[in-house]
Amino acid sequence: MQVFNVQGMSCGHCVKAITQALQARDPAASVRVDLAAREVGVESALTTEQVIAAITEEGYDAKIA
């Protein structure tokens, strides 16, 4: 599982937006979001760059943890 630090997440809507963005690119992706730690764990066939791009396109700042 890849873990990313994501700035700007604060609510359930953020979780839903990020999860949907990633699963739109890989429907089999497993996404775990920890709002308190501002981390997103992703198990997917997507590359690190593709995950960061998907999260960034939703308006969040993401980098590999």
N, C-alpha and C. Protein backbone atom coordinates (compact mmCIF):
# COMPACT_ATOMS: atom_id res chain seq x y z
N MET A 1 0.84 -1.18 0.00
CA MET A 1 0.00 0.00 0.00
C MET A 1 0.89 1.24 0.00
N GLN A 2 0.59 2.16 -0.91
CA GLN A 2 1.29 3.44 -0.96
C GLN A 2 0.58 4.40 0.00
N VAL A 3 1.34 5.20 0.73
CA VAL A 3 0.76 6.17 1.65
C VAL A 3 1.17 7.57 1.21
N PHE A 4 0.20 8.47 1.20
CA PHE A 4 0.41 9.84 0.75
C PHE A 4 0.00 10.82 1.84
N ASN A 5 0.76 11.89 2.00
CA ASN A 5 0.37 13.00 2.86
C ASN A 5 -0.48 13.91 1.99
N VAL A 6 -1.68 14.24 2.50
CA VAL A 6 -2.59 15.06 1.72
C VAL A 6 -3.05 16.24 2.58
N GLN A 7 -2.73 17.44 2.13
CA GLN A 7 -3.12 18.66 2.84
C GLN A 7 -4.46 19.15 2.30
N GLY A 8 -5.28 19.70 3.19
CA GLY A 8 -6.54 20.28 2.77
C GLY A 8 -7.76 19.42 3.05
N MET A 9 -7.57 18.18 3.48
CA MET A 9 -8.70 17.32 3.81
C MET A 9 -9.25 17.70 5.18
N SER A 10 -10.58 17.81 5.29
CA SER A 10 -11.14 18.19 6.59
C SER A 10 -12.48 17.53 6.91
N CYS A 11 -13.07 16.81 5.96
CA CYS A 11 -14.41 16.29 6.22
C CYS A 11 -14.71 15.06 5.38
N GLY A 12 -15.89 14.52 5.58
CA GLY A 12 -16.33 13.36 4.82
C GLY A 12 -16.41 13.62 3.33
N HIS A 13 -16.76 14.85 2.96
CA HIS A 13 -16.82 15.18 1.53
C HIS A 13 -15.44 15.03 0.89
N CYS A 14 -14.41 15.45 1.62
CA CYS A 14 -13.04 15.32 1.12
C CYS A 14 -12.69 13.85 0.89
N VAL A 15 -13.05 13.02 1.85
CA VAL A 15 -12.79 11.58 1.75
C VAL A 15 -13.48 11.02 0.52
N LYS A 16 -14.75 11.38 0.34
CA LYS A 16 -15.53 10.87 -0.79
C LYS A 16 -14.94 11.34 -2.11
N ALA A 17 -14.56 12.61 -2.20
CA ALA A 17 -14.02 13.16 -3.44
C ALA A 17 -12.73 12.46 -3.84
N ILE A 18 -11.84 12.25 -2.88
CA ILE A 18 -10.57 11.60 -3.16
C ILE A 18 -10.78 10.14 -3.53
N THR A 19 -11.62 9.46 -2.77
CA THR A 19 -11.90 8.04 -3.05
C THR A 19 -12.50 7.87 -4.44
N GLN A 20 -13.47 8.70 -4.79
CA GLN A 20 -14.10 8.59 -6.11
C GLN A 20 -13.13 8.93 -7.24
N ALA A 21 -12.27 9.90 -7.01
CA ALA A 21 -11.29 10.27 -8.05
C ALA A 21 -10.34 9.12 -8.33
N LEU A 22 -9.90 8.44 -7.27
CA LEU A 22 -8.98 7.32 -7.45
C LEU A 22 -9.68 6.12 -8.06
N GLN A 23 -10.90 5.82 -7.60
CA GLN A 23 -11.62 4.67 -8.12
C GLN A 23 -12.15 4.90 -9.53
N ALA A 24 -12.25 6.14 -9.96
CA ALA A 24 -12.62 6.42 -11.35
C ALA A 24 -11.50 5.99 -12.28
N ARG A 25 -10.26 6.09 -11.80
CA ARG A 25 -9.10 5.70 -12.60
C ARG A 25 -8.77 4.22 -12.46
N ASP A 26 -9.08 3.65 -11.29
CA ASP A 26 -8.86 2.22 -11.04
C ASP A 26 -10.01 1.73 -10.15
N PRO A 27 -11.06 1.17 -10.76
CA PRO A 27 -12.23 0.73 -10.00
C PRO A 27 -11.90 -0.30 -8.91
N ALA A 28 -10.81 -1.00 -9.04
CA ALA A 28 -10.42 -2.00 -8.04
C ALA A 28 -9.57 -1.42 -6.92
N ALA A 29 -9.31 -0.12 -6.97
CA ALA A 29 -8.44 0.51 -5.96
C ALA A 29 -9.06 0.42 -4.57
N SER A 30 -8.20 0.15 -3.60
CA SER A 30 -8.59 0.18 -2.19
C SER A 30 -8.01 1.47 -1.61
N VAL A 31 -8.89 2.30 -1.03
CA VAL A 31 -8.48 3.61 -0.53
C VAL A 31 -8.80 3.70 0.96
N ARG A 32 -7.80 4.07 1.77
CA ARG A 32 -7.98 4.27 3.20
C ARG A 32 -7.58 5.70 3.52
N VAL A 33 -8.50 6.45 4.13
CA VAL A 33 -8.22 7.85 4.44
C VAL A 33 -8.23 8.05 5.96
N ASP A 34 -7.18 8.68 6.46
CA ASP A 34 -7.08 9.04 7.88
C ASP A 34 -7.05 10.57 7.94
N LEU A 35 -8.23 11.17 8.23
CA LEU A 35 -8.32 12.63 8.25
C LEU A 35 -7.41 13.24 9.31
N ALA A 36 -7.37 12.65 10.49
CA ALA A 36 -6.57 13.21 11.58
C ALA A 36 -5.08 13.27 11.22
N ALA A 37 -4.60 12.23 10.57
CA ALA A 37 -3.18 12.17 10.19
C ALA A 37 -2.93 12.81 8.83
N ARG A 38 -4.01 13.16 8.13
CA ARG A 38 -3.92 13.71 6.77
C ARG A 38 -3.16 12.76 5.85
N GLU A 39 -3.55 11.49 5.93
CA GLU A 39 -2.92 10.47 5.10
C GLU A 39 -3.96 9.70 4.29
N VAL A 40 -3.55 9.32 3.09
CA VAL A 40 -4.36 8.49 2.22
C VAL A 40 -3.52 7.28 1.84
N GLY A 41 -4.03 6.10 2.15
CA GLY A 41 -3.37 4.86 1.75
C GLY A 41 -4.08 4.31 0.52
N VAL A 42 -3.32 3.93 -0.48
CA VAL A 42 -3.89 3.46 -1.74
C VAL A 42 -3.24 2.15 -2.14
N GLU A 43 -4.08 1.16 -2.38
CA GLU A 43 -3.61 -0.10 -2.95
C GLU A 43 -4.25 -0.17 -4.33
N SER A 44 -3.41 -0.05 -5.36
CA SER A 44 -3.93 0.11 -6.71
C SER A 44 -2.86 -0.22 -7.74
N ALA A 45 -3.32 -0.42 -8.96
CA ALA A 45 -2.40 -0.61 -10.08
C ALA A 45 -1.87 0.73 -10.59
N LEU A 46 -2.42 1.84 -10.07
CA LEU A 46 -1.97 3.17 -10.49
C LEU A 46 -0.54 3.43 -10.01
N THR A 47 0.18 4.20 -10.79
CA THR A 47 1.52 4.60 -10.38
C THR A 47 1.41 5.71 -9.32
N THR A 48 2.52 5.95 -8.64
CA THR A 48 2.56 7.04 -7.64
C THR A 48 2.16 8.35 -8.30
N GLU A 49 2.67 8.62 -9.47
CA GLU A 49 2.37 9.86 -10.18
C GLU A 49 0.89 9.97 -10.53
N GLN A 50 0.27 8.85 -10.92
CA GLN A 50 -1.15 8.86 -11.26
C GLN A 50 -2.01 9.12 -10.03
N VAL A 51 -1.62 8.55 -8.89
CA VAL A 51 -2.37 8.78 -7.65
C VAL A 51 -2.26 10.25 -7.25
N ILE A 52 -1.06 10.79 -7.28
CA ILE A 52 -0.87 12.20 -6.92
C ILE A 52 -1.65 13.10 -7.87
N ALA A 53 -1.65 12.80 -9.16
CA ALA A 53 -2.39 13.60 -10.14
C ALA A 53 -3.89 13.56 -9.85
N ALA A 54 -4.42 12.40 -9.53
CA ALA A 54 -5.86 12.27 -9.24
C ALA A 54 -6.25 13.09 -8.01
N ILE A 55 -5.42 13.03 -6.98
CA ILE A 55 -5.70 13.78 -5.75
C ILE A 55 -5.55 15.28 -5.99
N THR A 56 -4.52 15.66 -6.71
CA THR A 56 -4.26 17.08 -7.00
C THR A 56 -5.40 17.67 -7.84
N GLU A 57 -5.91 16.91 -8.79
CA GLU A 57 -7.00 17.39 -9.63
C GLU A 57 -8.27 17.67 -8.82
N GLU A 58 -8.39 17.05 -7.66
CA GLU A 58 -9.53 17.31 -6.76
C GLU A 58 -9.30 18.54 -5.89
N GLY A 59 -8.12 19.13 -5.99
CA GLY A 59 -7.84 20.37 -5.26
C GLY A 59 -7.05 20.20 -3.98
N TYR A 60 -6.41 19.05 -3.81
CA TYR A 60 -5.63 18.78 -2.60
C TYR A 60 -4.15 18.68 -2.95
N ASP A 61 -3.31 19.02 -2.01
CA ASP A 61 -1.87 18.92 -2.19
C ASP A 61 -1.43 17.55 -1.68
N ALA A 62 -0.87 16.73 -2.55
CA ALA A 62 -0.48 15.37 -2.16
C ALA A 62 0.98 15.11 -2.46
N LYS A 63 1.61 14.34 -1.58
CA LYS A 63 2.99 13.89 -1.81
C LYS A 63 3.15 12.54 -1.12
N ILE A 64 4.11 11.78 -1.59
CA ILE A 64 4.36 10.45 -1.01
C ILE A 64 4.84 10.64 0.42
N ALA A 65 4.33 9.80 1.30
CA ALA A 65 4.68 9.91 2.72
C ALA A 65 6.05 9.29 2.97
